[in-house]
């Protein structure tokens, strides 16, 4: 279940990221390129890969740890790039958002690492 949710959220985020990239190209304004890259990689690609793992190893995706990890990564994968965009647009006064987002993403990655080490032996 969490794997499917992560994959669905991922494709929406990737679509938004692609549209943002097209908009930057049309306007020739690449000021938000770092936010665009983080949105695609952290919010899209990593989220999709995590979802694939949970689908490949179904027992891993049914745990409470996986649900917490997935929820954290979805939140952080959105907050982090939005925070980067806010800093690029507003300046360092809003640095708390990307810092919080990045810490959430790292925490989610630690939980994913625990999940993989616990379940890799069972595949």
PDB file of N, CA and C in Angstrom:
ATOM      1  N   UNK A   1       0.819  -1.196   0.000  1.00  0.00           N
ATOM      2  CA  UNK A   1       0.000   0.000   0.000  1.00  0.00           C
ATOM      3  C   UNK A   1       0.862   1.259   0.000  1.00  0.00           C
ATOM      4  N   UNK A   2       1.849   1.352   0.926  1.00  0.00           N
ATOM      5  CA  UNK A   2       2.679   2.545   0.970  1.00  0.00           C
ATOM      6  C   UNK A   2       3.510   2.646  -0.299  1.00  0.00           C
ATOM      7  N   UNK A   3       3.937   1.519  -0.860  1.00  0.00           N
ATOM      8  CA  UNK A   3       4.702   1.543  -2.106  1.00  0.00           C
ATOM      9  C   UNK A   3       3.905   2.138  -3.248  1.00  0.00           C
ATOM     10  N   UNK A   4       2.648   1.741  -3.355  1.00  0.00           N
ATOM     11  CA  UNK A   4       1.789   2.288  -4.413  1.00  0.00           C
ATOM     12  C   UNK A   4       1.546   3.778  -4.205  1.00  0.00           C
ATOM     13  N   UNK A   5       1.322   4.182  -2.960  1.00  0.00           N
ATOM     14  CA  UNK A   5       1.115   5.608  -2.671  1.00  0.00           C
ATOM     15  C   UNK A   5       2.350   6.410  -3.054  1.00  0.00           C
ATOM     16  N   UNK A   6       3.524   5.898  -2.676  1.00  0.00           N
ATOM     17  CA  UNK A   6       4.763   6.606  -2.985  1.00  0.00           C
ATOM     18  C   UNK A   6       4.949   6.746  -4.496  1.00  0.00           C
ATOM     19  N   UNK A   7       4.651   5.701  -5.236  1.00  0.00           N
ATOM     20  CA  UNK A   7       4.813   5.755  -6.685  1.00  0.00           C
ATOM     21  C   UNK A   7       3.817   6.742  -7.309  1.00  0.00           C
ATOM     22  N   UNK A   8       2.594   6.772  -6.816  1.00  0.00           N
ATOM     23  CA  UNK A   8       1.595   7.713  -7.344  1.00  0.00           C
ATOM     24  C   UNK A   8       1.976   9.160  -7.042  1.00  0.00           C
ATOM     25  N   UNK A   9       2.394   9.431  -5.804  1.00  0.00           N
ATOM     26  CA  UNK A   9       2.821  10.781  -5.441  1.00  0.00           C
ATOM     27  C   UNK A   9       4.042  11.162  -6.276  1.00  0.00           C
ATOM     28  N   UNK A  10       4.933  10.214  -6.477  1.00  0.00           N
ATOM     29  CA  UNK A  10       6.144  10.464  -7.255  1.00  0.00           C
ATOM     30  C   UNK A  10       5.838  10.929  -8.669  1.00  0.00           C
ATOM     31  N   UNK A  11       4.924  10.257  -9.347  1.00  0.00           N
ATOM     32  CA  UNK A  11       4.656  10.650 -10.734  1.00  0.00           C
ATOM     33  C   UNK A  11       3.997  12.020 -10.806  1.00  0.00           C
ATOM     34  N   UNK A  12       3.202  12.380  -9.803  1.00  0.00           N
ATOM     35  CA  UNK A  12       2.621  13.731  -9.766  1.00  0.00           C
ATOM     36  C   UNK A  12       3.729  14.760  -9.566  1.00  0.00           C
ATOM     37  N   UNK A  13       4.630  14.484  -8.627  1.00  0.00           N
ATOM     38  CA  UNK A  13       5.750  15.402  -8.379  1.00  0.00           C
ATOM     39  C   UNK A  13       6.629  15.522  -9.615  1.00  0.00           C
ATOM     40  N   UNK A  14       6.922  14.410 -10.273  1.00  0.00           N
ATOM     41  CA  UNK A  14       7.747  14.460 -11.483  1.00  0.00           C
ATOM     42  C   UNK A  14       7.061  15.254 -12.596  1.00  0.00           C
ATOM     43  N   UNK A  15       5.773  15.106 -12.731  1.00  0.00           N
ATOM     44  CA  UNK A  15       5.045  15.877 -13.740  1.00  0.00           C
ATOM     45  C   UNK A  15       5.138  17.370 -13.432  1.00  0.00           C
ATOM     46  N   UNK A  16       4.946  17.734 -12.174  1.00  0.00           N
ATOM     47  CA  UNK A  16       5.074  19.146 -11.774  1.00  0.00           C
ATOM     48  C   UNK A  16       6.494  19.638 -12.042  1.00  0.00           C
ATOM     49  N   UNK A  17       7.489  18.813 -11.698  1.00  0.00           N
ATOM     50  CA  UNK A  17       8.883  19.184 -11.935  1.00  0.00           C
ATOM     51  C   UNK A  17       9.185  19.372 -13.410  1.00  0.00           C
ATOM     52  N   UNK A  18       8.659  18.495 -14.251  1.00  0.00           N
ATOM     53  CA  UNK A  18       8.870  18.625 -15.694  1.00  0.00           C
ATOM     54  C   UNK A  18       8.209  19.888 -16.242  1.00  0.00           C
ATOM     55  N   UNK A  19       7.000  20.157 -15.784  1.00  0.00           N
ATOM     56  CA  UNK A  19       6.304  21.367 -16.232  1.00  0.00           C
ATOM     57  C   UNK A  19       7.042  22.619 -15.771  1.00  0.00           C
ATOM     58  N   UNK A  20       7.588  22.576 -14.565  1.00  0.00           N
ATOM     59  CA  UNK A  20       8.385  23.712 -14.081  1.00  0.00           C
ATOM     60  C   UNK A  20       9.624  23.898 -14.948  1.00  0.00           C
ATOM     61  N   UNK A  21      10.256  22.794 -15.331  1.00  0.00           N
ATOM     62  CA  UNK A  21      11.425  22.868 -16.206  1.00  0.00           C
ATOM     63  C   UNK A  21      11.077  23.452 -17.572  1.00  0.00           C
ATOM     64  N   UNK A  22       9.945  23.058 -18.112  1.00  0.00           N
ATOM     65  CA  UNK A  22       9.498  23.601 -19.397  1.00  0.00           C
ATOM     66  C   UNK A  22       9.226  25.091 -19.262  1.00  0.00           C
ATOM     67  N   UNK A  23       8.576  25.482 -18.165  1.00  0.00           N
ATOM     68  CA  UNK A  23       8.298  26.908 -17.942  1.00  0.00           C
ATOM     69  C   UNK A  23       9.593  27.708 -17.836  1.00  0.00           C
ATOM     70  N   UNK A  24      10.597  27.156 -17.151  1.00  0.00           N
ATOM     71  CA  UNK A  24      11.882  27.851 -17.056  1.00  0.00           C
ATOM     72  C   UNK A  24      12.511  27.993 -18.436  1.00  0.00           C
ATOM     73  N   UNK A  25      12.416  26.949 -19.236  1.00  0.00           N
ATOM     74  CA  UNK A  25      12.980  27.001 -20.575  1.00  0.00           C
ATOM     75  C   UNK A  25      12.280  28.019 -21.461  1.00  0.00           C
ATOM     76  N   UNK A  26      10.961  28.068 -21.370  1.00  0.00           N
ATOM     77  CA  UNK A  26      10.193  29.016 -22.184  1.00  0.00           C
ATOM     78  C   UNK A  26      10.554  30.447 -21.822  1.00  0.00           C
ATOM     79  N   UNK A  27      10.651  30.711 -20.528  1.00  0.00           N
ATOM     80  CA  UNK A  27      10.937  32.084 -20.080  1.00  0.00           C
ATOM     81  C   UNK A  27      12.434  32.396 -20.045  1.00  0.00           C
ATOM     82  N   UNK A  28      13.259  31.360 -20.232  1.00  0.00           N
ATOM     83  CA  UNK A  28      14.716  31.511 -20.145  1.00  0.00           C
ATOM     84  C   UNK A  28      15.147  32.084 -18.791  1.00  0.00           C
ATOM     85  N   UNK A  29      14.384  31.748 -17.752  1.00  0.00           N
ATOM     86  CA  UNK A  29      14.699  32.164 -16.385  1.00  0.00           C
ATOM     87  C   UNK A  29      14.938  30.895 -15.574  1.00  0.00           C
ATOM     88  N   UNK A  30      16.191  30.637 -15.286  1.00  0.00           N
ATOM     89  CA  UNK A  30      16.569  29.400 -14.613  1.00  0.00           C
ATOM     90  C   UNK A  30      16.933  29.624 -13.146  1.00  0.00           C
ATOM     91  N   UNK A  31      16.406  30.687 -12.577  1.00  0.00           N
ATOM     92  CA  UNK A  31      16.717  31.024 -11.186  1.00  0.00           C
ATOM     93  C   UNK A  31      16.282  29.917 -10.222  1.00  0.00           C
ATOM     94  N   UNK A  32      15.225  29.206 -10.556  1.00  0.00           N
ATOM     95  CA  UNK A  32      14.720  28.156  -9.666  1.00  0.00           C
ATOM     96  C   UNK A  32      15.233  26.762 -10.045  1.00  0.00           C
ATOM     97  N   UNK A  33      16.274  26.696 -10.868  1.00  0.00           N
ATOM     98  CA  UNK A  33      16.807  25.396 -11.292  1.00  0.00           C
ATOM     99  C   UNK A  33      17.202  24.492 -10.118  1.00  0.00           C
ATOM    100  N   UNK A  34      17.819  25.024  -9.047  1.00  0.00           N
ATOM    101  CA  UNK A  34      18.136  24.119  -7.923  1.00  0.00           C
ATOM    102  C   UNK A  34      16.877  23.511  -7.287  1.00  0.00           C
ATOM    103  N   UNK A  35      15.823  24.287  -7.166  1.00  0.00           N
ATOM    104  CA  UNK A  35      14.577  23.761  -6.606  1.00  0.00           C
ATOM    105  C   UNK A  35      13.976  22.714  -7.546  1.00  0.00           C
ATOM    106  N   UNK A  36      14.025  22.990  -8.836  1.00  0.00           N
ATOM    107  CA  UNK A  36      13.530  22.064  -9.858  1.00  0.00           C
ATOM    108  C   UNK A  36      14.278  20.729  -9.778  1.00  0.00           C
ATOM    109  N   UNK A  37      15.601  20.799  -9.651  1.00  0.00           N
ATOM    110  CA  UNK A  37      16.407  19.581  -9.582  1.00  0.00           C
ATOM    111  C   UNK A  37      16.095  18.777  -8.319  1.00  0.00           C
ATOM    112  N   UNK A  38      15.965  19.456  -7.188  1.00  0.00           N
ATOM    113  CA  UNK A  38      15.651  18.757  -5.942  1.00  0.00           C
ATOM    114  C   UNK A  38      14.240  18.174  -5.975  1.00  0.00           C
ATOM    115  N   UNK A  39      13.312  18.885  -6.576  1.00  0.00           N
ATOM    116  CA  UNK A  39      11.944  18.369  -6.698  1.00  0.00           C
ATOM    117  C   UNK A  39      11.948  17.069  -7.499  1.00  0.00           C
ATOM    118  N   UNK A  40      12.645  17.083  -8.630  1.00  0.00           N
ATOM    119  CA  UNK A  40      12.677  15.888  -9.470  1.00  0.00           C
ATOM    120  C   UNK A  40      13.413  14.732  -8.814  1.00  0.00           C
ATOM    121  N   UNK A  41      14.572  15.012  -8.239  1.00  0.00           N
ATOM    122  CA  UNK A  41      15.384  13.923  -7.680  1.00  0.00           C
ATOM    123  C   UNK A  41      14.838  13.421  -6.347  1.00  0.00           C
ATOM    124  N   UNK A  42      14.692  14.321  -5.385  1.00  0.00           N
ATOM    125  CA  UNK A  42      14.276  13.907  -4.034  1.00  0.00           C
ATOM    126  C   UNK A  42      12.786  13.577  -3.992  1.00  0.00           C
ATOM    127  N   UNK A  43      11.974  14.451  -4.588  1.00  0.00           N
ATOM    128  CA  UNK A  43      10.530  14.244  -4.540  1.00  0.00           C
ATOM    129  C   UNK A  43      10.026  13.230  -5.538  1.00  0.00           C
ATOM    130  N   UNK A  44      10.703  13.104  -6.664  1.00  0.00           N
ATOM    131  CA  UNK A  44      10.227  12.216  -7.707  1.00  0.00           C
ATOM    132  C   UNK A  44      10.967  10.896  -7.778  1.00  0.00           C
ATOM    133  N   UNK A  45      12.231  10.950  -8.130  1.00  0.00           N
ATOM    134  CA  UNK A  45      12.999   9.736  -8.395  1.00  0.00           C
ATOM    135  C   UNK A  45      13.177   8.877  -7.142  1.00  0.00           C
ATOM    136  N   UNK A  46      13.656   9.481  -6.048  1.00  0.00           N
ATOM    137  CA  UNK A  46      13.859   8.687  -4.833  1.00  0.00           C
ATOM    138  C   UNK A  46      12.551   8.099  -4.328  1.00  0.00           C
ATOM    139  N   UNK A  47      11.509   8.887  -4.357  1.00  0.00           N
ATOM    140  CA  UNK A  47      10.207   8.406  -3.889  1.00  0.00           C
ATOM    141  C   UNK A  47       9.744   7.215  -4.726  1.00  0.00           C
ATOM    142  N   UNK A  48       9.957   7.291  -6.030  1.00  0.00           N
ATOM    143  CA  UNK A  48       9.563   6.190  -6.904  1.00  0.00           C
ATOM    144  C   UNK A  48      10.395   4.939  -6.614  1.00  0.00           C
ATOM    145  N   UNK A  49      11.698   5.127  -6.426  1.00  0.00           N
ATOM    146  CA  UNK A  49      12.560   3.973  -6.129  1.00  0.00           C
ATOM    147  C   UNK A  49      12.174   3.310  -4.808  1.00  0.00           C
ATOM    148  N   UNK A  50      11.874   4.116  -3.795  1.00  0.00           N
ATOM    149  CA  UNK A  50      11.425   3.545  -2.526  1.00  0.00           C
ATOM    150  C   UNK A  50      10.138   2.752  -2.737  1.00  0.00           C
ATOM    151  N   UNK A  51       9.210   3.324  -3.489  1.00  0.00           N
ATOM    152  CA  UNK A  51       7.954   2.633  -3.778  1.00  0.00           C
ATOM    153  C   UNK A  51       8.185   1.316  -4.499  1.00  0.00           C
ATOM    154  N   UNK A  52       9.120   1.313  -5.437  1.00  0.00           N
ATOM    155  CA  UNK A  52       9.448   0.070  -6.147  1.00  0.00           C
ATOM    156  C   UNK A  52       9.979  -0.986  -5.188  1.00  0.00           C
ATOM    157  N   UNK A  53      10.832  -0.577  -4.260  1.00  0.00           N
ATOM    158  CA  UNK A  53      11.370  -1.536  -3.289  1.00  0.00           C
ATOM    159  C   UNK A  53      10.223  -2.149  -2.474  1.00  0.00           C
ATOM    160  N   UNK A  54       9.323  -1.301  -2.028  1.00  0.00           N
ATOM    161  CA  UNK A  54       8.215  -1.811  -1.226  1.00  0.00           C
ATOM    162  C   UNK A  54       7.294  -2.725  -2.033  1.00  0.00           C
ATOM    163  N   UNK A  55       7.208  -2.494  -3.334  1.00  0.00           N
ATOM    164  CA  UNK A  55       6.420  -3.395  -4.178  1.00  0.00           C
ATOM    165  C   UNK A  55       7.187  -4.685  -4.447  1.00  0.00           C
ATOM    166  N   UNK A  56       8.514  -4.588  -4.586  1.00  0.00           N
ATOM    167  CA  UNK A  56       9.349  -5.751  -4.856  1.00  0.00           C
ATOM    168  C   UNK A  56       9.464  -6.660  -3.634  1.00  0.00           C
ATOM    169  N   UNK A  57       9.490  -6.043  -2.462  1.00  0.00           N
ATOM    170  CA  UNK A  57       9.596  -6.786  -1.198  1.00  0.00           C
ATOM    171  C   UNK A  57       8.333  -6.455  -0.387  1.00  0.00           C
ATOM    172  N   UNK A  58       7.225  -7.103  -0.711  1.00  0.00           N
ATOM    173  CA  UNK A  58       5.942  -6.732  -0.099  1.00  0.00           C
ATOM    174  C   UNK A  58       5.943  -6.740   1.428  1.00  0.00           C
ATOM    175  N   UNK A  59       6.681  -7.640   2.029  1.00  0.00           N
ATOM    176  CA  UNK A  59       6.744  -7.683   3.485  1.00  0.00           C
ATOM    177  C   UNK A  59       7.332  -6.413   4.080  1.00  0.00           C
ATOM    178  N   UNK A  60       8.225  -5.780   3.364  1.00  0.00           N
ATOM    179  CA  UNK A  60       8.836  -4.539   3.846  1.00  0.00           C
ATOM    180  C   UNK A  60       7.836  -3.395   3.849  1.00  0.00           C
ATOM    181  N   UNK A  61       6.949  -3.390   2.873  1.00  0.00           N
ATOM    182  CA  UNK A  61       6.000  -2.288   2.737  1.00  0.00           C
ATOM    183  C   UNK A  61       4.808  -2.353   3.672  1.00  0.00           C
ATOM    184  N   UNK A  62       4.650  -3.432   4.387  1.00  0.00           N
ATOM    185  CA  UNK A  62       3.497  -3.565   5.280  1.00  0.00           C
ATOM    186  C   UNK A  62       3.799  -3.157   6.711  1.00  0.00           C
ATOM    187  N   UNK A  63       5.038  -2.808   6.990  1.00  0.00           N
ATOM    188  CA  UNK A  63       5.426  -2.481   8.358  1.00  0.00           C
ATOM    189  C   UNK A  63       5.069  -1.038   8.707  1.00  0.00           C
ATOM    190  N   UNK A  64       4.941  -0.788   9.981  1.00  0.00           N
ATOM    191  CA  UNK A  64       4.723   0.580  10.458  1.00  0.00           C
ATOM    192  C   UNK A  64       5.912   1.459  10.100  1.00  0.00           C
ATOM    193  N   UNK A  65       7.111   0.886  10.180  1.00  0.00           N
ATOM    194  CA  UNK A  65       8.317   1.637   9.835  1.00  0.00           C
ATOM    195  C   UNK A  65       8.250   2.141   8.390  1.00  0.00           C
ATOM    196  N   UNK A  66       7.790   1.300   7.472  1.00  0.00           N
ATOM    197  CA  UNK A  66       7.671   1.700   6.066  1.00  0.00           C
ATOM    198  C   UNK A  66       6.647   2.821   5.905  1.00  0.00           C
ATOM    199  N   UNK A  67       5.558   2.741   6.628  1.00  0.00           N
ATOM    200  CA  UNK A  67       4.535   3.784   6.532  1.00  0.00           C
ATOM    201  C   UNK A  67       5.049   5.116   7.062  1.00  0.00           C
ATOM    202  N   UNK A  68       5.782   5.059   8.160  1.00  0.00           N
ATOM    203  CA  UNK A  68       6.384   6.283   8.711  1.00  0.00           C
ATOM    204  C   UNK A  68       7.422   6.825   7.734  1.00  0.00           C
ATOM    205  N   UNK A  69       8.267   5.943   7.222  1.00  0.00           N
ATOM    206  CA  UNK A  69       9.303   6.364   6.273  1.00  0.00           C
ATOM    207  C   UNK A  69       8.679   6.997   5.037  1.00  0.00           C
ATOM    208  N   UNK A  70       7.669   6.350   4.488  1.00  0.00           N
ATOM    209  CA  UNK A  70       7.021   6.885   3.291  1.00  0.00           C
ATOM    210  C   UNK A  70       6.370   8.232   3.540  1.00  0.00           C
ATOM    211  N   UNK A  71       5.685   8.350   4.648  1.00  0.00           N
ATOM    212  CA  UNK A  71       5.034   9.619   4.984  1.00  0.00           C
ATOM    213  C   UNK A  71       6.055  10.727   5.181  1.00  0.00           C
ATOM    214  N   UNK A  72       7.137  10.402   5.880  1.00  0.00           N
ATOM    215  CA  UNK A  72       8.189  11.405   6.084  1.00  0.00           C
ATOM    216  C   UNK A  72       8.812  11.824   4.761  1.00  0.00           C
ATOM    217  N   UNK A  73       9.092  10.850   3.902  1.00  0.00           N
ATOM    218  CA  UNK A  73       9.743  11.209   2.642  1.00  0.00           C
ATOM    219  C   UNK A  73       8.818  12.024   1.739  1.00  0.00           C
ATOM    220  N   UNK A  74       7.550  11.705   1.726  1.00  0.00           N
ATOM    221  CA  UNK A  74       6.605  12.503   0.938  1.00  0.00           C
ATOM    222  C   UNK A  74       6.605  13.938   1.446  1.00  0.00           C
ATOM    223  N   UNK A  75       6.506  14.108   2.764  1.00  0.00           N
ATOM    224  CA  UNK A  75       6.496  15.463   3.339  1.00  0.00           C
ATOM    225  C   UNK A  75       7.810  16.187   3.070  1.00  0.00           C
ATOM    226  N   UNK A  76       8.920  15.526   3.344  1.00  0.00           N
ATOM    227  CA  UNK A  76      10.226  16.155   3.137  1.00  0.00           C
ATOM    228  C   UNK A  76      10.547  16.385   1.680  1.00  0.00           C
ATOM    229  N   UNK A  77      10.122  15.459   0.834  1.00  0.00           N
ATOM    230  CA  UNK A  77      10.371  15.580  -0.603  1.00  0.00           C
ATOM    231  C   UNK A  77       9.618  16.728  -1.238  1.00  0.00           C
ATOM    232  N   UNK A  78       8.591  17.201  -0.572  1.00  0.00           N
ATOM    233  CA  UNK A  78       7.851  18.384  -1.040  1.00  0.00           C
ATOM    234  C   UNK A  78       8.382  19.635  -0.343  1.00  0.00           C
ATOM    235  N   UNK A  79       8.552  19.557   0.978  1.00  0.00           N
ATOM    236  CA  UNK A  79       9.002  20.728   1.743  1.00  0.00           C
ATOM    237  C   UNK A  79      10.405  21.178   1.342  1.00  0.00           C
ATOM    238  N   UNK A  80      11.323  20.237   1.143  1.00  0.00           N
ATOM    239  CA  UNK A  80      12.703  20.600   0.835  1.00  0.00           C
ATOM    240  C   UNK A  80      12.814  21.431  -0.457  1.00  0.00           C
ATOM    241  N   UNK A  81      12.284  20.966  -1.597  1.00  0.00           N
ATOM    242  CA  UNK A  81      12.397  21.784  -2.810  1.00  0.00           C
ATOM    243  C   UNK A  81      11.609  23.089  -2.729  1.00  0.00           C
ATOM    244  N   UNK A  82      10.461  23.057  -2.079  1.00  0.00           N
ATOM    245  CA  UNK A  82       9.711  24.313  -1.909  1.00  0.00           C
ATOM    246  C   UNK A  82      10.501  25.290  -1.050  1.00  0.00           C
ATOM    247  N   UNK A  83      11.178  24.771  -0.042  1.00  0.00           N
ATOM    248  CA  UNK A  83      12.025  25.614   0.792  1.00  0.00           C
ATOM    249  C   UNK A  83      13.199  26.189   0.016  1.00  0.00           C
ATOM    250  N   UNK A  84      13.796  25.377  -0.842  1.00  0.00           N
ATOM    251  CA  UNK A  84      14.886  25.867  -1.694  1.00  0.00           C
ATOM    252  C   UNK A  84      14.365  26.993  -2.585  1.00  0.00           C
ATOM    253  N   UNK A  85      13.192  26.793  -3.182  1.00  0.00           N
ATOM    254  CA  UNK A  85      12.594  27.830  -4.031  1.00  0.00           C
ATOM    255  C   UNK A  85      12.328  29.103  -3.227  1.00  0.00           C
ATOM    256  N   UNK A  86      11.826  28.943  -2.010  1.00  0.00           N
ATOM    257  CA  UNK A  86      11.540  30.115  -1.171  1.00  0.00           C
ATOM    258  C   UNK A  86      12.810  30.882  -0.864  1.00  0.00           C
ATOM    259  N   UNK A  87      13.899  30.183  -0.561  1.00  0.00           N
ATOM    260  CA  UNK A  87      15.170  30.859  -0.281  1.00  0.00           C
ATOM    261  C   UNK A  87      15.661  31.587  -1.531  1.00  0.00           C
ATOM    262  N   UNK A  88      15.522  30.953  -2.685  1.00  0.00           N
ATOM    263  CA  UNK A  88      15.958  31.595  -3.933  1.00  0.00           C
ATOM    264  C   UNK A  88      15.149  32.851  -4.245  1.00  0.00           C
ATOM    265  N   UNK A  89      13.869  32.820  -3.875  1.00  0.00           N
ATOM    266  CA  UNK A  89      12.998  33.959  -4.174  1.00  0.00           C
ATOM    267  C   UNK A  89      13.002  35.023  -3.082  1.00  0.00           C
ATOM    268  N   UNK A  90      13.072  34.597  -1.818  1.00  0.00           N
ATOM    269  CA  UNK A  90      12.916  35.520  -0.689  1.00  0.00           C
ATOM    270  C   UNK A  90      14.216  35.813   0.057  1.00  0.00           C
ATOM    271  N   UNK A  91      15.201  34.938  -0.092  1.00  0.00           N
ATOM    272  CA  UNK A  91      16.459  35.141   0.613  1.00  0.00           C
ATOM    273  C   UNK A  91      16.571  34.273   1.845  1.00  0.00           C
ATOM    274  N   UNK A  92      17.656  34.462   2.580  1.00  0.00           N
ATOM    275  CA  UNK A  92      17.971  33.576   3.706  1.00  0.00           C
ATOM    276  C   UNK A  92      17.013  33.676   4.895  1.00  0.00           C
ATOM    277  N   UNK A  93      16.111  34.611   4.885  1.00  0.00           N
ATOM    278  CA  UNK A  93      15.179  34.729   6.017  1.00  0.00           C
ATOM    279  C   UNK A  93      14.242  33.527   6.132  1.00  0.00           C
ATOM    280  N   UNK A  94      14.143  32.732   5.074  1.00  0.00           N
ATOM    281  CA  UNK A  94      13.255  31.564   5.098  1.00  0.00           C
ATOM    282  C   UNK A  94      14.048  30.251   5.027  1.00  0.00           C
ATOM    283  N   UNK A  95      15.285  30.289   5.495  1.00  0.00           N
ATOM    284  CA  UNK A  95      16.139  29.101   5.446  1.00  0.00           C
ATOM    285  C   UNK A  95      15.621  27.935   6.265  1.00  0.00           C
ATOM    286  N   UNK A  96      14.769  28.190   7.212  1.00  0.00           N
ATOM    287  CA  UNK A  96      14.267  27.102   8.061  1.00  0.00           C
ATOM    288  C   UNK A  96      13.524  26.046   7.244  1.00  0.00           C
ATOM    289  N   UNK A  97      12.839  26.449   6.199  1.00  0.00           N
ATOM    290  CA  UNK A  97      12.056  25.486   5.407  1.00  0.00           C
ATOM    291  C   UNK A  97      12.933  24.442   4.719  1.00  0.00           C
ATOM    292  N   UNK A  98      13.952  24.832   3.950  1.00  0.00           N
ATOM    293  CA  UNK A  98      14.762  23.776   3.333  1.00  0.00           C
ATOM    294  C   UNK A  98      15.587  22.987   4.349  1.00  0.00           C
ATOM    295  N   UNK A  99      15.956  23.631   5.442  1.00  0.00           N
ATOM    296  CA  UNK A  99      16.694  22.902   6.484  1.00  0.00           C
ATOM    297  C   UNK A  99      15.797  21.821   7.080  1.00  0.00           C
ATOM    298  N   UNK A 100      14.576  22.199   7.437  1.00  0.00           N
ATOM    299  CA  UNK A 100      13.634  21.218   7.988  1.00  0.00           C
ATOM    300  C   UNK A 100      13.341  20.120   6.970  1.00  0.00           C
ATOM    301  N   UNK A 101      13.106  20.520   5.736  1.00  0.00           N
ATOM    302  CA  UNK A 101      12.821  19.540   4.687  1.00  0.00           C
ATOM    303  C   UNK A 101      13.963  18.563   4.481  1.00  0.00           C
ATOM    304  N   UNK A 102      15.191  19.077   4.473  1.00  0.00           N
ATOM    305  CA  UNK A 102      16.339  18.188   4.264  1.00  0.00           C
ATOM    306  C   UNK A 102      16.524  17.241   5.441  1.00  0.00           C
ATOM    307  N   UNK A 103      16.290  17.713   6.658  1.00  0.00           N
ATOM    308  CA  UNK A 103      16.408  16.843   7.829  1.00  0.00           C
ATOM    309  C   UNK A 103      15.334  15.756   7.833  1.00  0.00           C
ATOM    310  N   UNK A 104      14.142  16.120   7.381  1.00  0.00           N
ATOM    311  CA  UNK A 104      13.062  15.125   7.269  1.00  0.00           C
ATOM    312  C   UNK A 104      13.435  14.061   6.245  1.00  0.00           C
ATOM    313  N   UNK A 105      13.985  14.493   5.104  1.00  0.00           N
ATOM    314  CA  UNK A 105      14.389  13.552   4.058  1.00  0.00           C
ATOM    315  C   UNK A 105      15.507  12.632   4.558  1.00  0.00           C
ATOM    316  N   UNK A 106      16.466  13.180   5.281  1.00  0.00           N
ATOM    317  CA  UNK A 106      17.548  12.351   5.820  1.00  0.00           C
ATOM    318  C   UNK A 106      16.991  11.350   6.838  1.00  0.00           C
ATOM    319  N   UNK A 107      16.085  11.792   7.683  1.00  0.00           N
ATOM    320  CA  UNK A 107      15.469  10.871   8.646  1.00  0.00           C
ATOM    321  C   UNK A 107      14.733   9.747   7.916  1.00  0.00           C
ATOM    322  N   UNK A 108      14.016  10.099   6.859  1.00  0.00           N
ATOM    323  CA  UNK A 108      13.311   9.085   6.066  1.00  0.00           C
ATOM    324  C   UNK A 108      14.297   8.119   5.426  1.00  0.00           C
ATOM    325  N   UNK A 109      15.430   8.631   4.983  1.00  0.00           N
ATOM    326  CA  UNK A 109      16.443   7.766   4.373  1.00  0.00           C
ATOM    327  C   UNK A 109      17.036   6.806   5.394  1.00  0.00           C
ATOM    328  N   UNK A 110      17.246   7.284   6.610  1.00  0.00           N
ATOM    329  CA  UNK A 110      17.745   6.407   7.675  1.00  0.00           C
ATOM    330  C   UNK A 110      16.733   5.286   7.931  1.00  0.00           C
ATOM    331  N   UNK A 111      15.452   5.635   7.995  1.00  0.00           N
ATOM    332  CA  UNK A 111      14.415   4.620   8.200  1.00  0.00           C
ATOM    333  C   UNK A 111      14.375   3.637   7.037  1.00  0.00           C
ATOM    334  N   UNK A 112      14.576   4.139   5.824  1.00  0.00           N
ATOM    335  CA  UNK A 112      14.591   3.246   4.668  1.00  0.00           C
ATOM    336  C   UNK A 112      15.789   2.302   4.747  1.00  0.00           C
ATOM    337  N   UNK A 113      16.937   2.829   5.152  1.00  0.00           N
ATOM    338  CA  UNK A 113      18.122   1.979   5.299  1.00  0.00           C
ATOM    339  C   UNK A 113      17.857   0.866   6.311  1.00  0.00           C
ATOM    340  N   UNK A 114      17.233   1.201   7.432  1.00  0.00           N
ATOM    341  CA  UNK A 114      16.887   0.196   8.436  1.00  0.00           C
ATOM    342  C   UNK A 114      15.959  -0.852   7.811  1.00  0.00           C
ATOM    343  N   UNK A 115      14.970  -0.405   7.063  1.00  0.00           N
ATOM    344  CA  UNK A 115      14.026  -1.309   6.412  1.00  0.00           C
ATOM    345  C   UNK A 115      14.745  -2.250   5.459  1.00  0.00           C
ATOM    346  N   UNK A 116      15.632  -1.701   4.637  1.00  0.00           N
ATOM    347  CA  UNK A 116      16.343  -2.523   3.661  1.00  0.00           C
ATOM    348  C   UNK A 116      17.221  -3.550   4.378  1.00  0.00           C
ATOM    349  N   UNK A 117      17.961  -3.135   5.395  1.00  0.00           N
ATOM    350  CA  UNK A 117      18.817  -4.097   6.090  1.00  0.00           C
ATOM    351  C   UNK A 117      18.006  -5.164   6.816  1.00  0.00           C
ATOM    352  N   UNK A 118      16.827  -4.823   7.266  1.00  0.00           N
ATOM    353  CA  UNK A 118      15.977  -5.807   7.952  1.00  0.00           C
ATOM    354  C   UNK A 118      15.353  -6.788   6.961  1.00  0.00           C
ATOM    355  N   UNK A 119      15.040  -6.330   5.760  1.00  0.00           N
ATOM    356  CA  UNK A 119      14.271  -7.154   4.832  1.00  0.00           C
ATOM    357  C   UNK A 119      15.060  -7.715   3.672  1.00  0.00           C
ATOM    358  N   UNK A 120      16.269  -7.226   3.429  1.00  0.00           N
ATOM    359  CA  UNK A 120      17.060  -7.715   2.292  1.00  0.00           C
ATOM    360  C   UNK A 120      17.381  -9.204   2.422  1.00  0.00           C
ATOM    361  N   UNK A 121      17.502  -9.666   3.636  1.00  0.00           N
ATOM    362  CA  UNK A 121      17.810 -11.083   3.864  1.00  0.00           C
ATOM    363  C   UNK A 121      16.652 -11.987   3.505  1.00  0.00           C
ATOM    364  N   UNK A 122      15.438 -11.435   3.477  1.00  0.00           N
ATOM    365  CA  UNK A 122      14.257 -12.265   3.241  1.00  0.00           C
ATOM    366  C   UNK A 122      13.937 -12.415   1.777  1.00  0.00           C
ATOM    367  N   UNK A 123      14.675 -11.720   0.897  1.00  0.00           N
ATOM    368  CA  UNK A 123      14.343 -11.811  -0.533  1.00  0.00           C
ATOM    369  C   UNK A 123      15.201 -12.829  -1.233  1.00  0.00           C
TER     370      UNK A 123
END
